[in-house]
Amino acid sequence: MMQKLRSFDFILMVTPILLAAFGILMIYSASMVTAVVAGFESTHYMIRQLVSFGVGLFAFFLCSFFPYRHYQKMVKVLVVGSIILLIGVLLYGVNENNAVRSIHILNFNLQPAEFVKLVIILYLASVYSKKQSYINDFSKGVLPPLMLTCIMLALIFFQPDIGTSAIVFLIATTIFLCSGIRMRHVFVLLGVGVTLLAVAIPSMITDVRIGRFIGAYQPFTQPDGSGQHLIQSYLAIGGGGFTGEGLGQSIQKLGYLWGAHTDFIMAIIAEELGFIGVAIVLGLLSTIVLRGLYIARKCKNSFGSLLAIGISAMIGIQAAINLGAISGLFPITGVPLPFLSYGGSSLVAMMISVGILNNIAREVKKQESQPLSGRTHVDIGDTNKSKDIRKIPAKYRGGTSWNM
């Protein structure tokens, strides 16, 4: 067992666990008053997050040992299951804050969209790694996967969940750009996307969404309305200074800042632990993203490489949107901060994602530890099948192994 644990990527094992554990501590600090006011024990939200962390930790180690290549055989089932769940949310979901994003199961609210983000990454990484030989063929290599992605994206958008929709769109775009397609196809799709957005904008304009834009970019014009959340966030961030007011000493969590333990948990971290606390959290999140990109670069399998890119992009993009919302760069859309915000679905999905990333890292480490002379097969990205090196024409060998 210890030998298997040594094969883990230490950074990708310790960093997310530290972030999640720290998140549980900050959720307790930020939610004590909110829980009591709602009629619960002060530890209510902390305990629920602790249960989710236990599930997520189990899933993390399970996915770390499960060979990531097997997901390619499961992609179709995962995609169909995701579509069924998203339709189920629209038909039978729980309405919270004028949005239907979750299904109530055993006293827990399951948010399928959090897991669908990972399924879309698995799907796009799988399909584009198989289409490498004809990736430049727009009708066969590019368009079909995007059409299915757009279906899932639309089901999330109409919940409505614009924040998660934006994340899915940016993740898909990242994988798309890294798959090796022609730039002219990129411009064609950008043109189509802009056109569809222009058509959809009139139906997207509502008083609530207009209020969110005003609250994000002109909060002081409506200090008691749509700008209140951001103003309180500013007070929390500015009040922390360099070292913070001290753990548990936040003022804004006392009913002033909405979502103190969910979307705005970083504002509470800033108030209680100051610039130092924020810098540590950002450093840990950046470490996961950069480590994931490093693994993607080192991975010799195109599916694993695109999968690592997608997971890294998901964590980085989601963190950027959350931090942008609490600082006024983006409208508030309800996007949680990875590993830290309260929410069991988000935490479990993130732990599964870094578990998969760790499995890719384990294979990379294993490949790097093998002597060059011991590598006797070729890894073809679009088929993932091995071939004897002796069957390769001598003029193409250039050594004892090569990768396409």
Protein backbone atom coordinates (compact mmCIF):
# COMPACT_ATOMS: atom_id res chain seq x y z
CA MET A 1 0.00 0.00 0.00
CA MET A 2 2.80 2.40 0.93
CA GLN A 3 4.50 1.68 -2.39
CA LYS A 4 1.30 2.64 -4.22
CA LEU A 5 1.01 5.86 -2.21
CA ARG A 6 4.60 6.74 -3.14
CA SER A 7 3.56 6.56 -6.79
CA PHE A 8 1.14 9.46 -6.21
CA ASP A 9 1.97 12.97 -7.29
CA PHE A 10 2.66 14.49 -3.86
CA ILE A 11 1.61 17.98 -4.93
CA LEU A 12 -1.70 16.83 -6.39
CA MET A 13 -2.43 14.70 -3.36
CA VAL A 14 -1.63 17.17 -0.58
CA THR A 15 -2.70 20.50 -2.13
CA PRO A 16 -6.41 19.75 -2.77
CA ILE A 17 -6.74 18.03 0.62
CA LEU A 18 -5.23 21.08 2.35
CA LEU A 19 -7.57 23.40 0.46
CA ALA A 20 -10.65 21.32 1.26
CA ALA A 21 -9.71 21.01 4.96
CA PHE A 22 -9.08 24.75 5.17
CA GLY A 23 -12.40 25.33 3.40
CA ILE A 24 -14.23 23.33 6.10
CA LEU A 25 -12.63 25.51 8.79
CA MET A 26 -13.60 28.72 6.98
CA ILE A 27 -17.13 27.44 6.28
CA TYR A 28 -17.58 26.94 10.03
CA SER A 29 -16.30 30.44 10.73
CA ALA A 30 -18.41 32.05 8.02
CA SER A 31 -21.64 30.12 8.64
CA MET A 32 -22.00 29.96 12.43
CA VAL A 33 -24.39 32.90 12.67
CA THR A 34 -26.23 32.00 9.46
CA ALA A 35 -26.86 28.48 10.75
CA VAL A 36 -28.20 29.65 14.11
CA VAL A 37 -30.48 32.25 12.48
CA ALA A 38 -31.85 29.51 10.20
CA GLY A 39 -32.67 27.38 13.26
CA PHE A 40 -29.76 24.92 13.04
CA GLU A 41 -26.77 24.19 15.24
CA SER A 42 -23.78 26.46 14.62
CA THR A 43 -21.88 23.47 13.18
CA HIS A 44 -24.65 22.53 10.72
CA TYR A 45 -22.98 23.62 7.47
CA MET A 46 -19.53 22.51 8.63
CA ILE A 47 -20.74 18.97 9.38
CA ARG A 48 -22.50 18.67 6.02
CA GLN A 49 -19.34 19.84 4.25
CA LEU A 50 -17.30 17.40 6.33
CA VAL A 51 -19.51 14.52 5.13
CA SER A 52 -19.03 15.68 1.53
CA PHE A 53 -15.28 15.87 2.13
CA GLY A 54 -15.28 12.25 3.34
CA VAL A 55 -17.11 11.15 0.19
CA GLY A 56 -14.80 13.29 -1.95
CA LEU A 57 -11.68 11.90 -0.28
CA PHE A 58 -12.81 8.34 -0.95
CA ALA A 59 -13.58 9.26 -4.57
CA PHE A 60 -10.19 10.97 -4.89
CA PHE A 61 -8.22 7.85 -3.93
CA LEU A 62 -10.50 5.60 -5.98
CA CYS A 63 -9.98 7.72 -9.11
CA SER A 64 -6.27 7.99 -8.40
CA PHE A 65 -5.95 4.20 -8.67
CA PHE A 66 -8.47 3.73 -11.51
CA PRO A 67 -6.64 3.84 -14.91
CA TYR A 68 -7.80 6.99 -16.69
CA ARG A 69 -7.73 5.30 -20.12
CA HIS A 70 -10.76 3.20 -19.11
CA TYR A 71 -12.93 6.32 -19.10
CA GLN A 72 -12.87 6.26 -22.89
CA LYS A 73 -14.96 3.08 -22.77
CA MET A 74 -17.41 4.74 -20.38
CA VAL A 75 -17.84 8.09 -22.13
CA LYS A 76 -21.04 7.25 -24.00
CA VAL A 77 -22.76 6.02 -20.85
CA LEU A 78 -21.59 9.08 -18.90
CA VAL A 79 -22.84 11.49 -21.58
CA VAL A 80 -26.27 9.82 -21.81
CA GLY A 81 -26.53 9.75 -18.02
CA SER A 82 -25.59 13.44 -17.83
CA ILE A 83 -28.26 14.43 -20.35
CA ILE A 84 -30.89 12.42 -18.43
CA LEU A 85 -29.88 14.08 -15.14
CA LEU A 86 -29.97 17.57 -16.66
CA ILE A 87 -33.44 16.91 -18.10
CA GLY A 88 -34.46 15.56 -14.70
CA VAL A 89 -33.36 18.81 -13.06
CA LEU A 90 -35.51 20.85 -15.46
CA LEU A 91 -38.53 18.60 -14.80
CA TYR A 92 -38.21 17.73 -11.10
CA GLY A 93 -35.54 20.03 -9.69
CA VAL A 94 -35.70 22.17 -6.56
CA ASN A 95 -36.34 25.89 -7.16
CA GLU A 96 -33.88 28.00 -5.17
CA ASN A 97 -33.32 31.72 -5.78
CA ASN A 98 -35.36 31.64 -9.02
CA ALA A 99 -33.22 28.85 -10.48
CA VAL A 100 -33.69 25.08 -10.71
CA ARG A 101 -30.23 23.57 -10.41
CA SER A 102 -30.47 20.65 -8.00
CA ILE A 103 -32.36 17.45 -7.20
CA HIS A 104 -33.24 16.67 -3.57
CA ILE A 105 -31.90 13.23 -2.60
CA LEU A 106 -31.71 11.87 0.99
CA ASN A 107 -31.68 15.30 2.61
CA PHE A 108 -28.95 16.50 0.23
CA ASN A 109 -29.24 18.66 -2.86
CA LEU A 110 -27.37 17.09 -5.78
CA GLN A 111 -26.29 19.55 -8.49
CA PRO A 112 -25.69 17.45 -11.64
CA ALA A 113 -24.12 20.37 -13.51
CA GLU A 114 -21.06 20.17 -11.23
CA PHE A 115 -20.40 16.61 -12.44
CA VAL A 116 -21.46 17.29 -16.03
CA LYS A 117 -18.53 19.71 -16.36
CA LEU A 118 -16.16 16.78 -15.80
CA VAL A 119 -18.16 14.51 -18.13
CA ILE A 120 -17.87 17.10 -20.91
CA ILE A 121 -14.10 17.22 -20.36
CA LEU A 122 -13.91 13.41 -20.57
CA TYR A 123 -16.06 13.38 -23.69
CA LEU A 124 -14.18 16.09 -25.59
CA ALA A 125 -10.77 14.71 -24.60
CA SER A 126 -11.82 11.22 -25.73
CA VAL A 127 -13.42 12.17 -29.03
CA TYR A 128 -10.74 14.64 -30.13
CA SER A 129 -7.92 12.25 -29.24
CA LYS A 130 -9.56 9.65 -31.52
CA LYS A 131 -10.03 12.15 -34.35
CA GLN A 132 -6.40 13.30 -34.52
CA SER A 133 -5.89 11.70 -37.94
CA TYR A 134 -8.69 13.81 -39.45
CA ILE A 135 -8.91 16.72 -37.00
CA ASN A 136 -8.67 19.16 -39.91
CA ASP A 137 -11.87 17.81 -41.45
CA PHE A 138 -14.44 20.26 -40.09
CA SER A 139 -17.58 18.21 -40.80
CA LYS A 140 -16.22 14.92 -39.39
CA GLY A 141 -13.50 15.88 -36.94
CA VAL A 142 -14.74 19.12 -35.39
CA LEU A 143 -18.48 19.68 -35.68
CA PRO A 144 -20.15 16.50 -34.25
CA PRO A 145 -18.60 16.73 -30.74
CA LEU A 146 -19.45 20.42 -30.52
CA MET A 147 -23.09 19.79 -31.37
CA LEU A 148 -23.49 17.34 -28.49
CA THR A 149 -21.62 19.73 -26.18
CA CYS A 150 -24.02 22.52 -27.17
CA ILE A 151 -26.99 20.32 -26.20
CA MET A 152 -25.62 19.80 -22.69
CA LEU A 153 -24.64 23.45 -22.50
CA ALA A 154 -28.19 24.51 -23.40
CA LEU A 155 -29.68 22.23 -20.72
CA ILE A 156 -27.48 23.93 -18.12
CA PHE A 157 -28.18 27.40 -19.48
CA PHE A 158 -31.96 27.02 -19.21
CA GLN A 159 -31.89 26.05 -15.52
CA PRO A 160 -30.85 28.94 -15.64
CA ASP A 161 -27.19 28.66 -14.65
CA ILE A 162 -25.26 31.20 -16.68
CA GLY A 163 -22.13 30.91 -14.53
CA THR A 164 -21.73 27.16 -15.07
CA SER A 165 -22.66 27.62 -18.74
CA ALA A 166 -19.81 30.10 -19.11
CA ILE A 167 -17.41 27.68 -17.44
CA VAL A 168 -18.46 24.81 -19.73
CA PHE A 169 -18.11 27.04 -22.79
CA LEU A 170 -14.61 28.18 -21.79
CA ILE A 171 -13.50 24.63 -20.93
CA ALA A 172 -14.75 23.33 -24.28
CA THR A 173 -13.02 26.20 -26.06
CA THR A 174 -9.74 25.42 -24.28
CA ILE A 175 -9.82 21.73 -25.23
CA PHE A 176 -10.92 22.67 -28.72
CA LEU A 177 -7.95 25.03 -29.20
CA CYS A 178 -5.51 22.48 -27.79
CA SER A 179 -6.75 19.61 -29.97
CA GLY A 180 -4.78 20.79 -33.01
CA ILE A 181 -7.53 22.10 -35.27
CA ARG A 182 -7.01 24.71 -37.97
CA MET A 183 -7.27 28.35 -36.97
CA ARG A 184 -9.73 29.10 -39.77
CA HIS A 185 -12.13 26.64 -38.14
CA VAL A 186 -11.69 28.54 -34.90
CA PHE A 187 -12.72 31.80 -36.57
CA VAL A 188 -15.71 30.14 -38.23
CA LEU A 189 -16.96 28.83 -34.89
CA LEU A 190 -16.33 32.17 -33.20
CA GLY A 191 -18.46 33.83 -35.85
CA VAL A 192 -21.25 31.29 -35.32
CA GLY A 193 -21.00 31.72 -31.55
CA VAL A 194 -21.20 35.51 -31.74
CA THR A 195 -24.23 35.26 -34.05
CA LEU A 196 -26.06 32.87 -31.72
CA LEU A 197 -25.23 35.07 -28.74
CA ALA A 198 -26.61 38.12 -30.54
CA VAL A 199 -29.83 36.22 -31.22
CA ALA A 200 -30.09 34.97 -27.62
CA ILE A 201 -29.31 38.28 -25.89
CA PRO A 202 -32.88 39.71 -26.11
CA SER A 203 -34.29 36.65 -24.31
CA MET A 204 -31.52 36.86 -21.69
CA ILE A 205 -32.33 40.44 -20.69
CA THR A 206 -34.37 40.45 -17.49
CA ASP A 207 -34.67 42.90 -14.61
CA VAL A 208 -32.71 40.52 -12.36
CA ARG A 209 -29.79 40.21 -14.82
CA ILE A 210 -29.73 43.93 -15.51
CA GLY A 211 -29.60 44.42 -11.76
CA ARG A 212 -26.61 42.07 -11.53
CA PHE A 213 -24.70 44.08 -14.11
CA ILE A 214 -25.50 47.32 -12.31
CA GLY A 215 -24.52 45.68 -9.03
CA ALA A 216 -21.19 44.59 -10.51
CA TYR A 217 -20.14 47.76 -12.28
CA GLN A 218 -22.09 50.52 -10.51
CA PRO A 219 -22.77 49.08 -7.05
CA PHE A 220 -22.89 52.41 -5.23
CA THR A 221 -25.83 53.60 -7.33
CA GLN A 222 -27.95 50.92 -5.62
CA PRO A 223 -26.31 50.38 -2.20
CA ASP A 224 -29.48 48.86 -0.71
CA GLY A 225 -30.37 46.85 -3.80
CA SER A 226 -28.35 44.97 -6.39
CA GLY A 227 -25.08 46.61 -5.31
CA GLN A 228 -25.34 45.61 -1.65
CA HIS A 229 -23.56 42.24 -1.92
CA LEU A 230 -20.54 43.67 -3.72
CA ILE A 231 -20.27 46.65 -1.36
CA GLN A 232 -20.26 44.32 1.65
CA SER A 233 -17.66 42.20 -0.13
CA TYR A 234 -15.51 45.30 -0.60
CA LEU A 235 -15.84 46.09 3.11
CA ALA A 236 -14.78 42.57 4.03
CA ILE A 237 -11.79 42.54 1.66
CA GLY A 238 -10.67 46.05 2.58
CA GLY A 239 -11.16 45.51 6.31
CA GLY A 240 -8.76 42.58 6.45
CA GLY A 241 -5.65 44.52 5.53
CA PHE A 242 -2.40 42.59 5.41
CA THR A 243 -2.84 40.18 8.34
CA GLY A 244 -6.62 40.19 8.82
CA GLU A 245 -8.88 40.70 11.82
CA GLY A 246 -8.19 37.19 13.09
CA LEU A 247 -9.83 33.80 12.53
CA GLY A 248 -13.50 33.96 13.48
CA GLN A 249 -13.48 37.76 13.86
CA SER A 250 -15.32 38.71 10.66
CA ILE A 251 -18.00 41.39 10.96
CA GLN A 252 -19.53 40.92 7.50
CA LYS A 253 -20.54 37.32 8.22
CA LEU A 254 -22.93 38.60 10.92
CA GLY A 255 -25.78 38.93 8.44
CA TYR A 256 -24.28 41.69 6.29
CA LEU A 257 -22.71 39.65 3.48
CA TRP A 258 -25.01 37.24 1.65
CA GLY A 259 -23.42 33.90 0.76
CA ALA A 260 -20.54 34.35 3.19
CA HIS A 261 -19.90 30.58 3.34
CA THR A 262 -20.70 29.92 -0.34
CA ASP A 263 -19.85 32.29 -3.21
CA PHE A 264 -18.20 34.97 -1.02
CA ILE A 265 -16.05 32.77 1.18
CA MET A 266 -12.87 34.39 -0.18
CA ALA A 267 -14.12 37.77 1.07
CA ILE A 268 -14.37 36.28 4.58
CA ILE A 269 -10.88 34.77 4.21
CA ALA A 270 -9.61 38.22 3.25
CA GLU A 271 -11.33 39.84 6.24
CA GLU A 272 -10.17 37.30 8.82
CA LEU A 273 -6.73 36.33 7.46
CA GLY A 274 -5.92 39.33 5.29
CA PHE A 275 -3.66 39.47 2.26
CA ILE A 276 -1.56 36.62 3.66
CA GLY A 277 -4.51 34.22 3.76
CA VAL A 278 -5.66 35.20 0.28
CA ALA A 279 -2.14 34.79 -1.12
CA ILE A 280 -1.81 31.30 0.37
CA VAL A 281 -5.15 30.19 -1.09
CA LEU A 282 -4.35 31.63 -4.52
CA GLY A 283 -0.93 30.00 -4.38
CA LEU A 284 -2.42 26.57 -3.66
CA LEU A 285 -5.04 26.89 -6.39
CA SER A 286 -2.41 28.07 -8.88
CA THR A 287 -0.19 25.15 -7.90
CA ILE A 288 -2.90 22.63 -8.85
CA VAL A 289 -3.58 24.36 -12.17
CA LEU A 290 0.10 24.69 -13.14
CA ARG A 291 0.88 21.16 -12.03
CA GLY A 292 -1.99 19.90 -14.16
CA LEU A 293 -0.69 21.75 -17.20
CA TYR A 294 2.81 20.36 -16.56
CA ILE A 295 1.38 16.84 -16.48
CA ALA A 296 -0.56 17.53 -19.69
CA ARG A 297 2.70 18.55 -21.36
CA LYS A 298 4.54 15.45 -20.14
CA CYS A 299 1.79 12.94 -20.90
CA LYS A 300 2.51 10.94 -24.05
CA ASN A 301 -1.10 9.93 -24.61
CA SER A 302 -3.29 12.48 -26.37
CA PHE A 303 -6.40 11.53 -24.34
CA GLY A 304 -4.54 11.94 -21.06
CA SER A 305 -2.99 15.20 -22.19
CA LEU A 306 -6.31 16.76 -23.25
CA LEU A 307 -7.96 15.43 -20.10
CA ALA A 308 -5.33 17.06 -17.89
CA ILE A 309 -5.70 20.33 -19.82
CA GLY A 310 -9.48 20.26 -19.40
CA ILE A 311 -9.36 19.58 -15.64
CA SER A 312 -6.73 22.27 -15.09
CA ALA A 313 -8.77 24.72 -17.15
CA MET A 314 -11.93 23.90 -15.18
CA ILE A 315 -10.30 24.64 -11.82
CA GLY A 316 -8.56 27.79 -13.05
CA ILE A 317 -11.58 29.20 -14.91
CA GLN A 318 -13.99 28.52 -12.06
CA ALA A 319 -11.66 30.15 -9.54
CA ALA A 320 -11.20 33.18 -11.81
CA ILE A 321 -14.97 33.66 -12.27
CA ASN A 322 -15.63 33.36 -8.53
CA LEU A 323 -12.86 35.81 -7.61
CA GLY A 324 -13.98 38.15 -10.38
CA ALA A 325 -17.51 38.20 -8.95
CA ILE A 326 -16.46 39.07 -5.37
CA SER A 327 -14.17 41.85 -6.63
CA GLY A 328 -16.55 43.41 -9.16
CA LEU A 329 -14.85 42.25 -12.34
CA PHE A 330 -17.79 40.00 -13.28
CA PRO A 331 -21.49 39.94 -12.35
CA ILE A 332 -22.43 37.61 -9.50
CA THR A 333 -23.47 34.27 -11.02
CA GLY A 334 -23.33 31.84 -8.11
CA VAL A 335 -20.09 30.08 -9.07
CA PRO A 336 -18.40 28.43 -6.03
CA LEU A 337 -14.70 28.73 -5.30
CA PRO A 338 -13.10 25.31 -5.99
CA PHE A 339 -12.48 23.19 -2.86
CA LEU A 340 -13.41 26.02 -0.46
CA SER A 341 -17.01 27.16 -0.97
CA TYR A 342 -19.83 25.31 0.78
CA GLY A 343 -21.45 22.79 -1.52
CA GLY A 344 -21.13 19.01 -1.52
CA SER A 345 -21.60 18.49 -5.25
CA SER A 346 -18.87 20.97 -6.11
CA LEU A 347 -16.39 19.54 -3.59
CA VAL A 348 -16.95 15.90 -4.58
CA ALA A 349 -16.70 16.76 -8.30
CA MET A 350 -13.45 18.63 -7.70
CA MET A 351 -11.95 15.78 -5.67
CA ILE A 352 -12.87 13.30 -8.42
CA SER A 353 -11.25 15.59 -10.98
CA VAL A 354 -7.93 15.89 -9.14
CA GLY A 355 -8.06 12.14 -8.51
CA ILE A 356 -8.18 11.55 -12.26
CA LEU A 357 -5.41 14.10 -12.71
CA ASN A 358 -3.35 12.23 -10.13
CA ASN A 359 -3.81 8.99 -12.05
CA ILE A 360 -2.47 10.67 -15.19
CA ALA A 361 0.46 11.96 -13.14
CA ARG A 362 1.16 8.46 -11.82
CA GLU A 363 1.41 7.14 -15.39
CA VAL A 364 3.68 10.03 -16.37
CA LYS A 365 5.93 9.31 -13.39
CA LYS A 366 5.99 5.63 -14.31
CA GLN A 367 6.95 6.45 -17.91
CA GLU A 368 9.73 8.78 -16.78
CA SER A 369 11.14 6.18 -14.36
CA GLN A 370 11.44 3.53 -17.09
CA PRO A 371 14.85 3.27 -18.81
CA LEU A 372 14.76 4.42 -22.41
CA SER A 373 15.90 1.02 -23.60
CA GLY A 374 12.95 -0.61 -21.86
CA ARG A 375 10.32 1.21 -23.89
CA THR A 376 9.33 -1.18 -26.65
CA HIS A 377 5.99 0.18 -27.76
CA VAL A 378 4.51 3.15 -29.47
CA ASP A 379 1.52 5.04 -28.03
CA ILE A 380 -0.74 6.21 -30.85
CA GLY A 381 -2.93 9.02 -29.55
CA ASP A 382 -6.01 8.39 -31.69
CA THR A 383 -6.15 4.61 -31.11
CA ASN A 384 -4.28 4.17 -27.79
CA LYS A 385 -2.95 0.81 -29.04
CA SER A 386 0.61 -0.38 -28.74
CA LYS A 387 2.73 -1.47 -31.64
CA ASP A 388 5.99 -3.35 -31.68
CA ILE A 389 8.86 -0.98 -32.45
CA ARG A 390 10.31 -3.51 -34.86
CA LYS A 391 7.31 -3.06 -37.18
CA ILE A 392 8.16 0.60 -37.70
CA PRO A 393 10.32 1.39 -40.71
CA ALA A 394 13.90 2.04 -39.64
CA LYS A 395 14.00 5.52 -41.20
CA TYR A 396 11.18 6.65 -38.86
CA ARG A 397 12.47 5.18 -35.62
CA GLY A 398 15.09 7.71 -34.51
CA GLY A 399 15.45 5.78 -31.23
CA THR A 400 13.76 3.06 -29.24
CA SER A 401 10.38 4.79 -28.87
CA TRP A 402 8.36 7.58 -30.42
CA ASN A 403 5.00 9.22 -29.88
CA MET A 404 2.42 10.51 -32.33
